[in-house]
Amino acid sequence: MVEPQSAGVGIASEISDGVAVIRLTSPETANAFEPGDMLRLAAAIKTATCAESVRALILIGSGRHFCAGASFNGLAGAQNMDDLAQAVRDDVRALQAAFGASPVVTIAAVNGIAAGAGSGIALMADLMLVASSSRLMFPFAQIGLVPDTGLTHSLARRIGEGRAMGLFITGGALSAKQCVDHGLALACHADDEFFEESLKLAGKLASMPKGTHVAIRKLIARAGSGSNKIAIDAEAEAQSVRFSVAETQQAINALVEKI
């Protein structure tokens, strides 16, 4: 399904074999986001992941870019900076909430350049895959801006404050290999095999008992702001819930039969 589009980034979605694929379809503008586009993407994620048949979601770009971040054409006419700040805050929070509330695992398939907010969006997903030509770019300081889309938290939490600070201050970038080495990306695949490999991973995850990935996401988020004791207690509670799920019991029984 392709969303009717009068302005902003194109967003297309399709569902097949339990996997929803949302594709940014404006390669002519490097899939850059206009004001309001994050709200539209958030709505597309909610719609796709709420479909009964969907058990995994892929977000990917078209062309050489995953997403070039914000379109400055869309921001150039802003008159009231307070209104702009509130609009950006609302848009980013809505998109983060859509990823965080997804009832299925989410994968950012970074098929090329992810710049600025594009990198922040990629880091909102549960997992990231990168193509060999991919780069995460953080050019904010070069044009007098600061990181946004939660990057000062999401990137620093994953690679450490020192590395994140260096990237932000210098306007640096991470190659596909560095993304894997730093633990940002699960794997790197050749460009010509990238979408097929992304689908393969999504299909594998879609075959696992539904709800497991959401429980893991919540545990990781909770562990990041609490003690080891809190993490252990949360894991025990979540595990007891998972044991009561019929699909989990079926998977356990199938495993036992193989032993």
Foldseek 3Di string as FASTA:
>chain_A
DWDDDDDFWTWDWDDDLQEIEIETECVVVLNAGAQPVLVVVLVVLQVVLPPPSHAEYEYAYPDQFRYAYHDVVRVVPDDDVVVVVVSQVVSLVSNLVSQLPRQHAYEYETLHEQEQVSLLSRLSGPAYEYEQRYKYWQQQVVVPHFGDSCCCPSVCVQQNNVVSVVCNNVRHMAGNVRCVVSPVHVYYHHNVCRVVVVVVVRSVRSPADGNPVSLVSVLVVVPVPDDPVVSVVSVVVSVVVLVPDPRSVVVVVVVVVVD
